[in-house]
All heavy atoms as atom14 arrays in JSON, in Angstrom:
{
  "sequence": "DAGLPRGRATRILRRATGAAGLDTLGTGD",
  "atom14_mask": [
    [1, 1, 1, 1, 1, 1, 1, 1, 0, 0, 0, 0, 0, 0],
    [1, 1, 1, 1, 1, 0, 0, 0, 0, 0, 0, 0, 0, 0],
    [1, 1, 1, 1, 0, 0, 0, 0, 0, 0, 0, 0, 0, 0],
    [1, 1, 1, 1, 1, 1, 1, 1, 0, 0, 0, 0, 0, 0],
    [1, 1, 1, 1, 1, 1, 1, 0, 0, 0, 0, 0, 0, 0],
    [1, 1, 1, 1, 1, 1, 1, 1, 1, 1, 1, 0, 0, 0],
    [1, 1, 1, 1, 0, 0, 0, 0, 0, 0, 0, 0, 0, 0],
    [1, 1, 1, 1, 1, 1, 1, 1, 1, 1, 1, 0, 0, 0],
    [1, 1, 1, 1, 1, 0, 0, 0, 0, 0, 0, 0, 0, 0],
    [1, 1, 1, 1, 1, 1, 1, 0, 0, 0, 0, 0, 0, 0],
    [1, 1, 1, 1, 1, 1, 1, 1, 1, 1, 1, 0, 0, 0],
    [1, 1, 1, 1, 1, 1, 1, 1, 0, 0, 0, 0, 0, 0],
    [1, 1, 1, 1, 1, 1, 1, 1, 0, 0, 0, 0, 0, 0],
    [1, 1, 1, 1, 1, 1, 1, 1, 1, 1, 1, 0, 0, 0],
    [1, 1, 1, 1, 1, 1, 1, 1, 1, 1, 1, 0, 0, 0],
    [1, 1, 1, 1, 1, 0, 0, 0, 0, 0, 0, 0, 0, 0],
    [1, 1, 1, 1, 1, 1, 1, 0, 0, 0, 0, 0, 0, 0],
    [1, 1, 1, 1, 0, 0, 0, 0, 0, 0, 0, 0, 0, 0],
    [1, 1, 1, 1, 1, 0, 0, 0, 0, 0, 0, 0, 0, 0],
    [1, 1, 1, 1, 1, 0, 0, 0, 0, 0, 0, 0, 0, 0],
    [1, 1, 1, 1, 0, 0, 0, 0, 0, 0, 0, 0, 0, 0],
    [1, 1, 1, 1, 1, 1, 1, 1, 0, 0, 0, 0, 0, 0],
    [1, 1, 1, 1, 1, 1, 1, 1, 0, 0, 0, 0, 0, 0],
    [1, 1, 1, 1, 1, 1, 1, 0, 0, 0, 0, 0, 0, 0],
    [1, 1, 1, 1, 1, 1, 1, 1, 0, 0, 0, 0, 0, 0],
    [1, 1, 1, 1, 0, 0, 0, 0, 0, 0, 0, 0, 0, 0],
    [1, 1, 1, 1, 1, 1, 1, 0, 0, 0, 0, 0, 0, 0],
    [1, 1, 1, 1, 0, 0, 0, 0, 0, 0, 0, 0, 0, 0],
    [1, 1, 1, 1, 1, 1, 1, 1, 0, 0, 0, 0, 0, 0]
  ],
  "atom14_positions": [
    [[-34.76, 15.97, 228.23], [-35.01, 17.26, 227.82], [-34.13, 17.65, 226.59], [-34.38, 18.47, 225.75], [-34.96, 18.33, 228.89], [-36.05, 18.27, 229.88], [-37.03, 17.66, 229.62], [-35.88, 18.76, 231.02], [0.0, 0.0, 0.0], [0.0, 0.0, 0.0], [0.0, 0.0, 0.0], [0.0, 0.0, 0.0], [0.0, 0.0, 0.0], [0.0, 0.0, 0.0]],
    [[-32.87, 17.11, 226.62], [-31.93, 17.35, 225.59], [-32.29, 16.61, 224.36], [-31.67, 16.9, 223.22], [-30.53, 16.91, 226.04], [0.0, 0.0, 0.0], [0.0, 0.0, 0.0], [0.0, 0.0, 0.0], [0.0, 0.0, 0.0], [0.0, 0.0, 0.0], [0.0, 0.0, 0.0], [0.0, 0.0, 0.0], [0.0, 0.0, 0.0], [0.0, 0.0, 0.0]],
    [[-33.31, 15.63, 224.36], [-33.71, 14.99, 223.07], [-33.55, 13.53, 223.16], [-33.93, 12.95, 222.07], [0.0, 0.0, 0.0], [0.0, 0.0, 0.0], [0.0, 0.0, 0.0], [0.0, 0.0, 0.0], [0.0, 0.0, 0.0], [0.0, 0.0, 0.0], [0.0, 0.0, 0.0], [0.0, 0.0, 0.0], [0.0, 0.0, 0.0], [0.0, 0.0, 0.0]],
    [[-32.99, 12.94, 224.2], [-32.84, 11.35, 224.22], [-34.17, 10.78, 224.6], [-34.95, 11.24, 225.45], [-31.82, 10.96, 225.24], [-30.3, 11.05, 224.87], [-29.5, 10.41, 226.03], [-30.11, 10.33, 223.59], [0.0, 0.0, 0.0], [0.0, 0.0, 0.0], [0.0, 0.0, 0.0], [0.0, 0.0, 0.0], [0.0, 0.0, 0.0], [0.0, 0.0, 0.0]],
    [[-34.6, 9.66, 223.92], [-35.76, 8.91, 224.33], [-35.54, 8.5, 225.8], [-34.46, 8.16, 226.24], [-35.75, 7.74, 223.38], [-34.98, 8.23, 222.27], [-33.9, 9.06, 222.68], [0.0, 0.0, 0.0], [0.0, 0.0, 0.0], [0.0, 0.0, 0.0], [0.0, 0.0, 0.0], [0.0, 0.0, 0.0], [0.0, 0.0, 0.0], [0.0, 0.0, 0.0]],
    [[-36.6, 8.43, 226.62], [-36.55, 8.14, 228.06], [-35.96, 6.72, 228.26], [-35.05, 6.53, 229.13], [-37.9, 8.22, 228.73], [-37.84, 8.09, 230.21], [-39.18, 8.31, 230.81], [-39.53, 9.75, 230.62], [-39.01, 10.75, 231.46], [-38.34, 10.38, 232.47], [-39.45, 11.95, 231.21], [0.0, 0.0, 0.0], [0.0, 0.0, 0.0], [0.0, 0.0, 0.0]],
    [[-36.45, 5.79, 227.46], [-35.87, 4.47, 227.63], [-34.33, 4.34, 227.42], [-33.67, 3.65, 228.09], [0.0, 0.0, 0.0], [0.0, 0.0, 0.0], [0.0, 0.0, 0.0], [0.0, 0.0, 0.0], [0.0, 0.0, 0.0], [0.0, 0.0, 0.0], [0.0, 0.0, 0.0], [0.0, 0.0, 0.0], [0.0, 0.0, 0.0], [0.0, 0.0, 0.0]],
    [[-33.85, 5.01, 226.38], [-32.48, 5.04, 226.17], [-31.62, 5.74, 227.3], [-30.66, 5.3, 227.74], [-32.18, 5.63, 224.82], [-30.7, 5.61, 224.48], [-30.46, 6.03, 222.95], [-29.03, 6.06, 222.6], [-28.32, 4.95, 222.34], [-28.98, 3.75, 222.3], [-27.14, 5.08, 222.01], [0.0, 0.0, 0.0], [0.0, 0.0, 0.0], [0.0, 0.0, 0.0]],
    [[-32.24, 6.72, 227.68], [-31.54, 7.51, 228.74], [-31.53, 6.74, 230.02], [-30.4, 6.64, 230.7], [-32.26, 8.93, 229.05], [0.0, 0.0, 0.0], [0.0, 0.0, 0.0], [0.0, 0.0, 0.0], [0.0, 0.0, 0.0], [0.0, 0.0, 0.0], [0.0, 0.0, 0.0], [0.0, 0.0, 0.0], [0.0, 0.0, 0.0], [0.0, 0.0, 0.0]],
    [[-32.57, 5.94, 230.3], [-32.55, 5.12, 231.44], [-31.5, 4.04, 231.39], [-30.81, 3.7, 232.31], [-33.92, 4.48, 231.59], [-34.95, 5.52, 231.8], [-33.93, 3.49, 232.82], [0.0, 0.0, 0.0], [0.0, 0.0, 0.0], [0.0, 0.0, 0.0], [0.0, 0.0, 0.0], [0.0, 0.0, 0.0], [0.0, 0.0, 0.0], [0.0, 0.0, 0.0]],
    [[-31.34, 3.31, 230.23], [-30.41, 2.37, 230.04], [-29.02, 2.89, 230.15], [-28.1, 2.18, 230.63], [-30.57, 1.65, 228.68], [-31.89, 0.84, 228.51], [-31.82, -0.01, 227.28], [-31.9, 0.83, 226.03], [-32.99, 1.28, 225.43], [-34.18, 0.97, 226.05], [-32.98, 1.99, 224.44], [0.0, 0.0, 0.0], [0.0, 0.0, 0.0], [0.0, 0.0, 0.0]],
    [[-28.71, 3.98, 229.57], [-27.38, 4.54, 229.77], [-27.06, 4.93, 231.15], [-25.92, 4.58, 231.61], [-27.29, 5.88, 228.93], [-27.33, 5.65, 227.37], [-26.1, 6.65, 229.17], [-27.4, 6.88, 226.55], [0.0, 0.0, 0.0], [0.0, 0.0, 0.0], [0.0, 0.0, 0.0], [0.0, 0.0, 0.0], [0.0, 0.0, 0.0], [0.0, 0.0, 0.0]],
    [[-27.99, 5.35, 231.92], [-27.69, 5.69, 233.31], [-27.58, 4.63, 234.17], [-26.83, 4.5, 235.22], [-28.81, 6.69, 233.86], [-28.9, 8.01, 233.09], [-29.87, 9.0, 233.82], [-27.47, 8.76, 233.11], [0.0, 0.0, 0.0], [0.0, 0.0, 0.0], [0.0, 0.0, 0.0], [0.0, 0.0, 0.0], [0.0, 0.0, 0.0], [0.0, 0.0, 0.0]],
    [[-28.36, 3.51, 233.89], [-28.13, 2.24, 234.64], [-26.79, 1.78, 234.65], [-26.18, 1.31, 235.52], [-29.15, 1.21, 234.2], [-30.54, 1.39, 234.64], [-31.54, 0.38, 234.01], [-32.91, 0.55, 234.48], [-33.89, 0.0, 233.8], [-33.75, -0.82, 232.82], [-35.15, 0.1, 234.39], [0.0, 0.0, 0.0], [0.0, 0.0, 0.0], [0.0, 0.0, 0.0]],
    [[-26.23, 1.78, 233.28], [-24.95, 1.28, 233.08], [-23.86, 2.28, 233.72], [-22.79, 1.8, 234.28], [-24.59, 1.21, 231.64], [-25.24, -0.12, 231.03], [-24.33, -1.27, 231.37], [-25.02, -2.59, 230.96], [-24.57, -3.75, 231.3], [-23.5, -3.87, 232.04], [-25.14, -4.83, 230.77], [0.0, 0.0, 0.0], [0.0, 0.0, 0.0], [0.0, 0.0, 0.0]],
    [[-24.16, 3.59, 233.63], [-23.11, 4.47, 234.12], [-23.07, 4.43, 235.65], [-21.94, 4.68, 236.23], [-23.61, 5.93, 233.67], [0.0, 0.0, 0.0], [0.0, 0.0, 0.0], [0.0, 0.0, 0.0], [0.0, 0.0, 0.0], [0.0, 0.0, 0.0], [0.0, 0.0, 0.0], [0.0, 0.0, 0.0], [0.0, 0.0, 0.0], [0.0, 0.0, 0.0]],
    [[-24.15, 4.24, 236.37], [-24.15, 4.28, 237.81], [-24.2, 2.95, 238.43], [-23.98, 2.83, 239.64], [-25.38, 5.04, 238.31], [-26.64, 4.44, 237.8], [-25.4, 6.42, 237.74], [0.0, 0.0, 0.0], [0.0, 0.0, 0.0], [0.0, 0.0, 0.0], [0.0, 0.0, 0.0], [0.0, 0.0, 0.0], [0.0, 0.0, 0.0], [0.0, 0.0, 0.0]],
    [[-24.46, 1.91, 237.76], [-24.53, 0.55, 238.33], [-24.26, -0.62, 237.43], [-24.93, -1.66, 237.47], [0.0, 0.0, 0.0], [0.0, 0.0, 0.0], [0.0, 0.0, 0.0], [0.0, 0.0, 0.0], [0.0, 0.0, 0.0], [0.0, 0.0, 0.0], [0.0, 0.0, 0.0], [0.0, 0.0, 0.0], [0.0, 0.0, 0.0], [0.0, 0.0, 0.0]],
    [[-23.16, -0.46, 236.75], [-22.84, -1.48, 235.71], [-22.56, -2.78, 236.37], [-22.96, -3.9, 235.91], [-21.55, -1.11, 234.86], [0.0, 0.0, 0.0], [0.0, 0.0, 0.0], [0.0, 0.0, 0.0], [0.0, 0.0, 0.0], [0.0, 0.0, 0.0], [0.0, 0.0, 0.0], [0.0, 0.0, 0.0], [0.0, 0.0, 0.0], [0.0, 0.0, 0.0]],
    [[-21.95, -2.83, 237.57], [-21.59, -4.13, 238.23], [-22.87, -4.68, 238.67], [-23.02, -6.03, 238.63], [-20.66, -3.87, 239.48], [0.0, 0.0, 0.0], [0.0, 0.0, 0.0], [0.0, 0.0, 0.0], [0.0, 0.0, 0.0], [0.0, 0.0, 0.0], [0.0, 0.0, 0.0], [0.0, 0.0, 0.0], [0.0, 0.0, 0.0], [0.0, 0.0, 0.0]],
    [[-23.81, -3.88, 239.1], [-25.09, -4.49, 239.63], [-25.95, -5.07, 238.4], [-26.46, -6.11, 238.67], [0.0, 0.0, 0.0], [0.0, 0.0, 0.0], [0.0, 0.0, 0.0], [0.0, 0.0, 0.0], [0.0, 0.0, 0.0], [0.0, 0.0, 0.0], [0.0, 0.0, 0.0], [0.0, 0.0, 0.0], [0.0, 0.0, 0.0], [0.0, 0.0, 0.0]],
    [[-25.83, -4.58, 237.28], [-26.55, -5.12, 236.13], [-26.05, -6.47, 235.75], [-26.73, -7.23, 235.13], [-26.49, -4.14, 234.92], [-27.36, -2.93, 234.99], [-27.07, -1.99, 233.82], [-28.79, -3.22, 235.26], [0.0, 0.0, 0.0], [0.0, 0.0, 0.0], [0.0, 0.0, 0.0], [0.0, 0.0, 0.0], [0.0, 0.0, 0.0], [0.0, 0.0, 0.0]],
    [[-24.76, -6.76, 236.05], [-24.2, -8.0, 235.75], [-24.86, -9.09, 236.58], [-24.75, -10.36, 236.27], [-22.63, -8.0, 236.07], [-21.9, -7.2, 234.96], [-22.54, -6.9, 233.91], [-20.71, -6.81, 235.3], [0.0, 0.0, 0.0], [0.0, 0.0, 0.0], [0.0, 0.0, 0.0], [0.0, 0.0, 0.0], [0.0, 0.0, 0.0], [0.0, 0.0, 0.0]],
    [[-25.57, -8.68, 237.71], [-26.22, -9.65, 238.42], [-27.41, -10.36, 237.57], [-27.86, -11.51, 237.9], [-26.93, -9.02, 239.67], [-25.79, -8.55, 240.46], [-27.7, -10.03, 240.59], [0.0, 0.0, 0.0], [0.0, 0.0, 0.0], [0.0, 0.0, 0.0], [0.0, 0.0, 0.0], [0.0, 0.0, 0.0], [0.0, 0.0, 0.0], [0.0, 0.0, 0.0]],
    [[-27.92, -9.69, 236.64], [-29.02, -10.09, 235.87], [-28.52, -11.03, 234.86], [-28.07, -10.58, 233.76], [-29.79, -8.82, 235.2], [-30.21, -7.82, 236.22], [-30.71, -6.68, 235.5], [-31.17, -8.35, 237.34], [0.0, 0.0, 0.0], [0.0, 0.0, 0.0], [0.0, 0.0, 0.0], [0.0, 0.0, 0.0], [0.0, 0.0, 0.0], [0.0, 0.0, 0.0]],
    [[-28.55, -12.35, 235.02], [-27.88, -13.25, 234.22], [-28.54, -13.7, 232.87], [-28.01, -14.27, 232.08], [0.0, 0.0, 0.0], [0.0, 0.0, 0.0], [0.0, 0.0, 0.0], [0.0, 0.0, 0.0], [0.0, 0.0, 0.0], [0.0, 0.0, 0.0], [0.0, 0.0, 0.0], [0.0, 0.0, 0.0], [0.0, 0.0, 0.0], [0.0, 0.0, 0.0]],
    [[-29.82, -13.44, 232.87], [-30.59, -13.87, 231.61], [-31.61, -12.74, 231.25], [-31.92, -11.9, 232.06], [-31.45, -15.07, 232.01], [-32.27, -14.87, 233.09], [-30.46, -16.34, 232.24], [0.0, 0.0, 0.0], [0.0, 0.0, 0.0], [0.0, 0.0, 0.0], [0.0, 0.0, 0.0], [0.0, 0.0, 0.0], [0.0, 0.0, 0.0], [0.0, 0.0, 0.0]],
    [[-32.07, -12.88, 230.02], [-33.16, -11.91, 229.57], [-34.41, -11.98, 230.51], [-35.0, -10.93, 230.8], [0.0, 0.0, 0.0], [0.0, 0.0, 0.0], [0.0, 0.0, 0.0], [0.0, 0.0, 0.0], [0.0, 0.0, 0.0], [0.0, 0.0, 0.0], [0.0, 0.0, 0.0], [0.0, 0.0, 0.0], [0.0, 0.0, 0.0], [0.0, 0.0, 0.0]],
    [[-34.78, -13.21, 230.91], [-35.96, -13.28, 231.76], [-35.67, -12.59, 233.2], [-36.67, -11.99, 233.74], [-36.3, -14.77, 232.02], [-36.89, -15.38, 230.83], [-37.48, -14.77, 230.0], [-36.66, -16.66, 230.61], [0.0, 0.0, 0.0], [0.0, 0.0, 0.0], [0.0, 0.0, 0.0], [0.0, 0.0, 0.0], [0.0, 0.0, 0.0], [0.0, 0.0, 0.0]]
  ]
}
């Protein structure tokens, strides 16, 4: 609602709330 594209907002929040968990994803696939 503040003007961020949804995809970008989602990526920011994934890192903010679960950065360690995202490190589990070892490859692009």
